[in-house]
Amino acid sequence: MSCNNDKFSLALRLYVDDAARYAEFLDKLRLALEKRGFVISRSFTSSVVAALRNTIVKIYPSKAEALELWRNGGFRIEVCMESLDPSSLVELVDILVMSAKEQGIRVELAG
C-alpha cells in the first residue's frame, strides 16, 4: 500500500485458469460491491470501474475484453484501488479476495 497526497493506493494481480471463471468472478464481485453501495460503471469497454465516496476500484480487463484476450493467447488481470481512507482499501481487499477464492482465483500484491 502506498500513500501519495493523502490518497492511499494498492495494486493487485489475479491469476485465472479460464476466461469463464473470470467472468463469474466479475459478476460476483460486482454484486458484492453494489451491496456495499458502490456505483459500478455501466459503459466500460476495457475495464470495470466502481466508486463509493472517496474510493475507486478499477479492474482490467472487462468481462467482454477478457474473453477476446483469452482467445488471443491469454491476459493479465490488474486491480487498482485508491482511497482517502486506508480502512476502505482493507475492506475492498477483503471483498475481492473472498470473491476470488470462491472462483479459484489466486490474488497477489503487485509490485
N, C-alpha and C. Protein backbone atom coordinates (compact mmCIF):
# COMPACT_ATOMS: atom_id res chain seq x y z
N MET A 1 0.86 -1.16 0.00
CA MET A 1 0.00 0.00 0.00
C MET A 1 0.91 1.22 0.00
N SER A 2 0.56 2.21 -0.80
CA SER A 2 1.34 3.44 -0.83
C SER A 2 0.44 4.63 -0.53
N CYS A 3 1.03 5.72 -0.09
CA CYS A 3 0.29 6.93 0.23
C CYS A 3 0.93 8.08 -0.53
N ASN A 4 0.12 8.81 -1.29
CA ASN A 4 0.59 9.93 -2.07
C ASN A 4 -0.47 11.02 -2.00
N ASN A 5 -0.11 12.18 -1.50
CA ASN A 5 -1.06 13.30 -1.37
C ASN A 5 -2.31 12.90 -0.60
N ASP A 6 -2.13 12.23 0.52
CA ASP A 6 -3.24 11.78 1.38
C ASP A 6 -4.16 10.76 0.71
N LYS A 7 -3.72 10.21 -0.41
CA LYS A 7 -4.51 9.18 -1.10
C LYS A 7 -3.75 7.86 -0.99
N PHE A 8 -4.42 6.84 -0.51
CA PHE A 8 -3.81 5.52 -0.37
C PHE A 8 -4.14 4.71 -1.61
N SER A 9 -3.17 3.94 -2.09
CA SER A 9 -3.43 3.11 -3.27
C SER A 9 -2.83 1.72 -3.07
N LEU A 10 -3.42 0.78 -3.78
CA LEU A 10 -3.00 -0.61 -3.70
C LEU A 10 -3.24 -1.26 -5.05
N ALA A 11 -2.31 -2.07 -5.50
CA ALA A 11 -2.46 -2.78 -6.77
C ALA A 11 -2.33 -4.28 -6.51
N LEU A 12 -3.19 -5.04 -7.16
CA LEU A 12 -3.20 -6.50 -7.05
C LEU A 12 -3.15 -7.12 -8.43
N ARG A 13 -2.67 -8.36 -8.49
CA ARG A 13 -2.72 -9.16 -9.71
C ARG A 13 -3.52 -10.41 -9.41
N LEU A 14 -4.33 -10.82 -10.37
CA LEU A 14 -5.12 -12.04 -10.23
C LEU A 14 -4.68 -13.03 -11.29
N TYR A 15 -4.68 -14.30 -10.93
CA TYR A 15 -4.29 -15.37 -11.84
C TYR A 15 -5.46 -16.32 -12.01
N VAL A 16 -5.91 -16.47 -13.26
CA VAL A 16 -7.13 -17.21 -13.57
C VAL A 16 -6.82 -18.33 -14.55
N ASP A 17 -7.50 -19.47 -14.37
CA ASP A 17 -7.31 -20.61 -15.27
C ASP A 17 -8.07 -20.46 -16.58
N ASP A 18 -9.23 -19.82 -16.54
CA ASP A 18 -10.00 -19.66 -17.78
C ASP A 18 -10.87 -18.41 -17.73
N ALA A 19 -11.22 -17.92 -18.91
CA ALA A 19 -11.97 -16.67 -19.03
C ALA A 19 -13.38 -16.77 -18.45
N ALA A 20 -14.00 -17.94 -18.53
CA ALA A 20 -15.36 -18.11 -17.99
C ALA A 20 -15.35 -17.93 -16.47
N ARG A 21 -14.33 -18.46 -15.82
CA ARG A 21 -14.20 -18.31 -14.36
C ARG A 21 -14.01 -16.83 -14.00
N TYR A 22 -13.24 -16.12 -14.80
CA TYR A 22 -13.04 -14.69 -14.57
C TYR A 22 -14.35 -13.93 -14.73
N ALA A 23 -15.15 -14.29 -15.74
CA ALA A 23 -16.44 -13.64 -15.95
C ALA A 23 -17.35 -13.85 -14.74
N GLU A 24 -17.37 -15.06 -14.20
CA GLU A 24 -18.17 -15.34 -12.99
C GLU A 24 -17.67 -14.51 -11.81
N PHE A 25 -16.35 -14.42 -11.68
CA PHE A 25 -15.75 -13.62 -10.61
C PHE A 25 -16.20 -12.17 -10.71
N LEU A 26 -16.15 -11.59 -11.92
CA LEU A 26 -16.56 -10.19 -12.09
C LEU A 26 -18.02 -10.00 -11.72
N ASP A 27 -18.89 -10.93 -12.12
CA ASP A 27 -20.31 -10.82 -11.78
C ASP A 27 -20.51 -10.84 -10.27
N LYS A 28 -19.84 -11.75 -9.58
CA LYS A 28 -19.99 -11.85 -8.12
C LYS A 28 -19.37 -10.64 -7.42
N LEU A 29 -18.25 -10.18 -7.92
CA LEU A 29 -17.61 -9.00 -7.33
C LEU A 29 -18.50 -7.78 -7.51
N ARG A 30 -19.07 -7.64 -8.69
CA ARG A 30 -19.97 -6.51 -8.95
C ARG A 30 -21.13 -6.51 -7.96
N LEU A 31 -21.74 -7.68 -7.74
CA LEU A 31 -22.85 -7.77 -6.78
C LEU A 31 -22.39 -7.42 -5.37
N ALA A 32 -21.24 -7.93 -4.96
CA ALA A 32 -20.72 -7.64 -3.62
C ALA A 32 -20.45 -6.15 -3.43
N LEU A 33 -19.89 -5.51 -4.45
CA LEU A 33 -19.62 -4.08 -4.36
C LEU A 33 -20.91 -3.26 -4.35
N GLU A 34 -21.87 -3.66 -5.19
CA GLU A 34 -23.16 -2.95 -5.20
C GLU A 34 -23.86 -3.05 -3.86
N LYS A 35 -23.77 -4.21 -3.20
CA LYS A 35 -24.38 -4.37 -1.88
C LYS A 35 -23.75 -3.42 -0.87
N ARG A 36 -22.48 -3.09 -1.06
CA ARG A 36 -21.78 -2.17 -0.15
C ARG A 36 -22.01 -0.71 -0.53
N GLY A 37 -22.79 -0.48 -1.60
CA GLY A 37 -23.11 0.88 -2.00
C GLY A 37 -22.27 1.46 -3.12
N PHE A 38 -21.37 0.67 -3.68
CA PHE A 38 -20.56 1.16 -4.79
C PHE A 38 -21.41 1.36 -6.04
N VAL A 39 -21.08 2.37 -6.80
CA VAL A 39 -21.70 2.60 -8.10
C VAL A 39 -20.76 1.99 -9.13
N ILE A 40 -21.30 1.09 -9.96
CA ILE A 40 -20.50 0.38 -10.95
C ILE A 40 -20.70 1.03 -12.32
N SER A 41 -19.62 1.28 -13.01
CA SER A 41 -19.68 1.84 -14.36
C SER A 41 -20.42 0.87 -15.27
N ARG A 42 -21.39 1.37 -15.99
CA ARG A 42 -22.15 0.53 -16.93
C ARG A 42 -21.66 0.67 -18.36
N SER A 43 -20.88 1.70 -18.62
CA SER A 43 -20.44 1.95 -20.00
C SER A 43 -18.93 1.83 -20.11
N PHE A 44 -18.42 0.65 -19.74
CA PHE A 44 -16.98 0.45 -19.82
C PHE A 44 -16.66 -0.43 -21.02
N THR A 45 -15.46 -0.27 -21.54
CA THR A 45 -15.03 -1.12 -22.64
C THR A 45 -13.83 -1.97 -22.24
N SER A 46 -12.84 -1.36 -21.60
CA SER A 46 -11.63 -2.11 -21.30
C SER A 46 -11.43 -2.39 -19.82
N SER A 47 -12.27 -1.80 -18.95
CA SER A 47 -12.09 -2.04 -17.53
C SER A 47 -13.42 -1.90 -16.80
N VAL A 48 -13.45 -2.39 -15.58
CA VAL A 48 -14.60 -2.25 -14.70
C VAL A 48 -14.21 -1.19 -13.68
N VAL A 49 -15.07 -0.20 -13.49
CA VAL A 49 -14.79 0.85 -12.53
C VAL A 49 -15.93 0.92 -11.53
N ALA A 50 -15.57 0.97 -10.23
CA ALA A 50 -16.56 1.10 -9.17
C ALA A 50 -16.12 2.24 -8.26
N ALA A 51 -17.09 3.01 -7.76
CA ALA A 51 -16.75 4.14 -6.90
C ALA A 51 -17.74 4.26 -5.74
N LEU A 52 -17.23 4.69 -4.61
CA LEU A 52 -18.04 4.95 -3.42
C LEU A 52 -17.32 6.01 -2.61
N ARG A 53 -17.99 7.11 -2.32
CA ARG A 53 -17.40 8.22 -1.57
C ARG A 53 -16.04 8.57 -2.17
N ASN A 54 -15.00 8.41 -1.42
CA ASN A 54 -13.66 8.77 -1.89
C ASN A 54 -12.83 7.55 -2.24
N THR A 55 -13.48 6.50 -2.74
CA THR A 55 -12.81 5.25 -3.05
C THR A 55 -13.13 4.83 -4.48
N ILE A 56 -12.10 4.41 -5.20
CA ILE A 56 -12.27 3.95 -6.59
C ILE A 56 -11.59 2.60 -6.75
N VAL A 57 -12.25 1.69 -7.48
CA VAL A 57 -11.68 0.39 -7.83
C VAL A 57 -11.69 0.30 -9.35
N LYS A 58 -10.57 -0.10 -9.93
CA LYS A 58 -10.51 -0.31 -11.38
C LYS A 58 -9.94 -1.69 -11.64
N ILE A 59 -10.67 -2.47 -12.43
CA ILE A 59 -10.23 -3.82 -12.77
C ILE A 59 -10.08 -3.90 -14.29
N TYR A 60 -8.91 -4.33 -14.75
CA TYR A 60 -8.67 -4.51 -16.18
C TYR A 60 -8.29 -5.97 -16.40
N PRO A 61 -8.82 -6.63 -17.36
CA PRO A 61 -9.76 -6.21 -18.39
C PRO A 61 -11.22 -6.41 -17.96
N SER A 62 -12.11 -5.86 -18.74
CA SER A 62 -13.54 -6.09 -18.52
C SER A 62 -13.88 -7.51 -18.95
N LYS A 63 -15.09 -7.95 -18.64
CA LYS A 63 -15.50 -9.32 -18.99
C LYS A 63 -15.48 -9.53 -20.50
N ALA A 64 -16.03 -8.59 -21.25
CA ALA A 64 -16.08 -8.74 -22.71
C ALA A 64 -14.68 -8.77 -23.31
N GLU A 65 -13.83 -7.90 -22.83
CA GLU A 65 -12.47 -7.86 -23.36
C GLU A 65 -11.67 -9.09 -22.93
N ALA A 66 -11.93 -9.60 -21.74
CA ALA A 66 -11.22 -10.78 -21.24
C ALA A 66 -11.44 -11.98 -22.15
N LEU A 67 -12.67 -12.18 -22.58
CA LEU A 67 -12.97 -13.31 -23.46
C LEU A 67 -12.20 -13.19 -24.77
N GLU A 68 -12.14 -11.98 -25.32
CA GLU A 68 -11.41 -11.76 -26.56
C GLU A 68 -9.90 -11.94 -26.36
N LEU A 69 -9.37 -11.38 -25.27
CA LEU A 69 -7.94 -11.54 -24.99
C LEU A 69 -7.57 -13.00 -24.76
N TRP A 70 -8.47 -13.73 -24.10
CA TRP A 70 -8.22 -15.15 -23.82
C TRP A 70 -8.09 -15.92 -25.13
N ARG A 71 -8.97 -15.62 -26.07
CA ARG A 71 -8.92 -16.29 -27.38
C ARG A 71 -7.61 -15.97 -28.11
N ASN A 72 -7.06 -14.79 -27.82
CA ASN A 72 -5.83 -14.36 -28.49
C ASN A 72 -4.57 -14.68 -27.71
N GLY A 73 -4.65 -15.58 -26.73
CA GLY A 73 -3.44 -16.03 -26.06
C GLY A 73 -3.28 -15.70 -24.59
N GLY A 74 -4.33 -15.26 -23.95
CA GLY A 74 -4.23 -15.03 -22.50
C GLY A 74 -4.13 -13.57 -22.12
N PHE A 75 -4.18 -13.32 -20.83
CA PHE A 75 -4.16 -11.95 -20.35
C PHE A 75 -3.74 -11.89 -18.89
N ARG A 76 -3.40 -10.69 -18.44
CA ARG A 76 -3.05 -10.45 -17.05
C ARG A 76 -4.14 -9.56 -16.46
N ILE A 77 -4.59 -9.88 -15.26
CA ILE A 77 -5.64 -9.11 -14.60
C ILE A 77 -4.99 -8.17 -13.61
N GLU A 78 -5.36 -6.90 -13.70
CA GLU A 78 -4.82 -5.90 -12.79
C GLU A 78 -5.97 -5.23 -12.05
N VAL A 79 -5.81 -5.07 -10.75
CA VAL A 79 -6.79 -4.38 -9.93
C VAL A 79 -6.09 -3.22 -9.24
N CYS A 80 -6.59 -2.02 -9.44
CA CYS A 80 -6.03 -0.83 -8.80
C CYS A 80 -7.11 -0.20 -7.93
N MET A 81 -6.74 0.14 -6.70
CA MET A 81 -7.69 0.73 -5.77
C MET A 81 -7.08 1.98 -5.17
N GLU A 82 -7.88 3.03 -5.03
CA GLU A 82 -7.43 4.26 -4.41
C GLU A 82 -8.49 4.75 -3.44
N SER A 83 -8.05 5.31 -2.32
CA SER A 83 -8.99 5.82 -1.34
C SER A 83 -8.30 6.84 -0.45
N LEU A 84 -9.09 7.75 0.10
CA LEU A 84 -8.58 8.66 1.11
C LEU A 84 -8.56 7.99 2.48
N ASP A 85 -9.22 6.84 2.58
CA ASP A 85 -9.36 6.12 3.85
C ASP A 85 -8.73 4.73 3.72
N PRO A 86 -7.64 4.45 4.43
CA PRO A 86 -6.99 3.15 4.30
C PRO A 86 -7.89 1.99 4.73
N SER A 87 -8.80 2.21 5.66
CA SER A 87 -9.69 1.12 6.08
C SER A 87 -10.63 0.71 4.94
N SER A 88 -10.96 1.65 4.06
CA SER A 88 -11.78 1.31 2.88
C SER A 88 -11.02 0.37 1.96
N LEU A 89 -9.71 0.58 1.82
CA LEU A 89 -8.91 -0.31 0.99
C LEU A 89 -8.86 -1.71 1.58
N VAL A 90 -8.73 -1.80 2.89
CA VAL A 90 -8.71 -3.10 3.54
C VAL A 90 -10.03 -3.82 3.31
N GLU A 91 -11.14 -3.11 3.41
CA GLU A 91 -12.45 -3.71 3.16
C GLU A 91 -12.56 -4.18 1.72
N LEU A 92 -12.06 -3.39 0.77
CA LEU A 92 -12.10 -3.77 -0.64
C LEU A 92 -11.27 -5.02 -0.91
N VAL A 93 -10.10 -5.09 -0.32
CA VAL A 93 -9.26 -6.27 -0.50
C VAL A 93 -9.98 -7.50 0.03
N ASP A 94 -10.64 -7.37 1.16
CA ASP A 94 -11.40 -8.47 1.73
C ASP A 94 -12.49 -8.94 0.78
N ILE A 95 -13.26 -8.01 0.23
CA ILE A 95 -14.33 -8.34 -0.71
C ILE A 95 -13.75 -9.04 -1.94
N LEU A 96 -12.68 -8.47 -2.49
CA LEU A 96 -12.08 -9.00 -3.70
C LEU A 96 -11.51 -10.40 -3.48
N VAL A 97 -10.78 -10.57 -2.39
CA VAL A 97 -10.16 -11.88 -2.12
C VAL A 97 -11.22 -12.94 -1.87
N MET A 98 -12.27 -12.60 -1.14
CA MET A 98 -13.35 -13.57 -0.89
C MET A 98 -14.00 -13.99 -2.21
N SER A 99 -14.29 -13.02 -3.08
CA SER A 99 -14.90 -13.33 -4.38
C SER A 99 -13.96 -14.16 -5.23
N ALA A 100 -12.67 -13.84 -5.20
CA ALA A 100 -11.69 -14.58 -5.99
C ALA A 100 -11.55 -16.02 -5.50
N LYS A 101 -11.49 -16.21 -4.20
CA LYS A 101 -11.36 -17.56 -3.65
C LYS A 101 -12.53 -18.45 -4.05
N GLU A 102 -13.73 -17.88 -4.08
CA GLU A 102 -14.91 -18.65 -4.48
C GLU A 102 -14.77 -19.19 -5.90
N GLN A 103 -14.02 -18.48 -6.74
CA GLN A 103 -13.84 -18.89 -8.13
C GLN A 103 -12.51 -19.58 -8.38
N GLY A 104 -11.73 -19.83 -7.34
CA GLY A 104 -10.44 -20.48 -7.51
C GLY A 104 -9.39 -19.58 -8.14
N ILE A 105 -9.50 -18.28 -7.91
CA ILE A 105 -8.57 -17.31 -8.49
C ILE A 105 -7.54 -16.92 -7.44
N ARG A 106 -6.28 -16.96 -7.83
CA ARG A 106 -5.19 -16.58 -6.93
C ARG A 106 -4.96 -15.07 -7.00
N VAL A 107 -4.75 -14.44 -5.85
CA VAL A 107 -4.55 -12.99 -5.77
C VAL A 107 -3.18 -12.72 -5.14
N GLU A 108 -2.43 -11.78 -5.74
CA GLU A 108 -1.13 -11.38 -5.20
C GLU A 108 -1.01 -9.87 -5.22
N LEU A 109 -0.20 -9.34 -4.31
CA LEU A 109 0.13 -7.92 -4.35
C LEU A 109 0.99 -7.65 -5.57
N ALA A 110 0.74 -6.56 -6.25
CA ALA A 110 1.54 -6.19 -7.42
C ALA A 110 2.64 -5.23 -6.98
N GLY A 111 3.82 -5.42 -7.54
CA GLY A 111 4.95 -4.54 -7.29
C GLY A 111 5.24 -4.37 -5.88
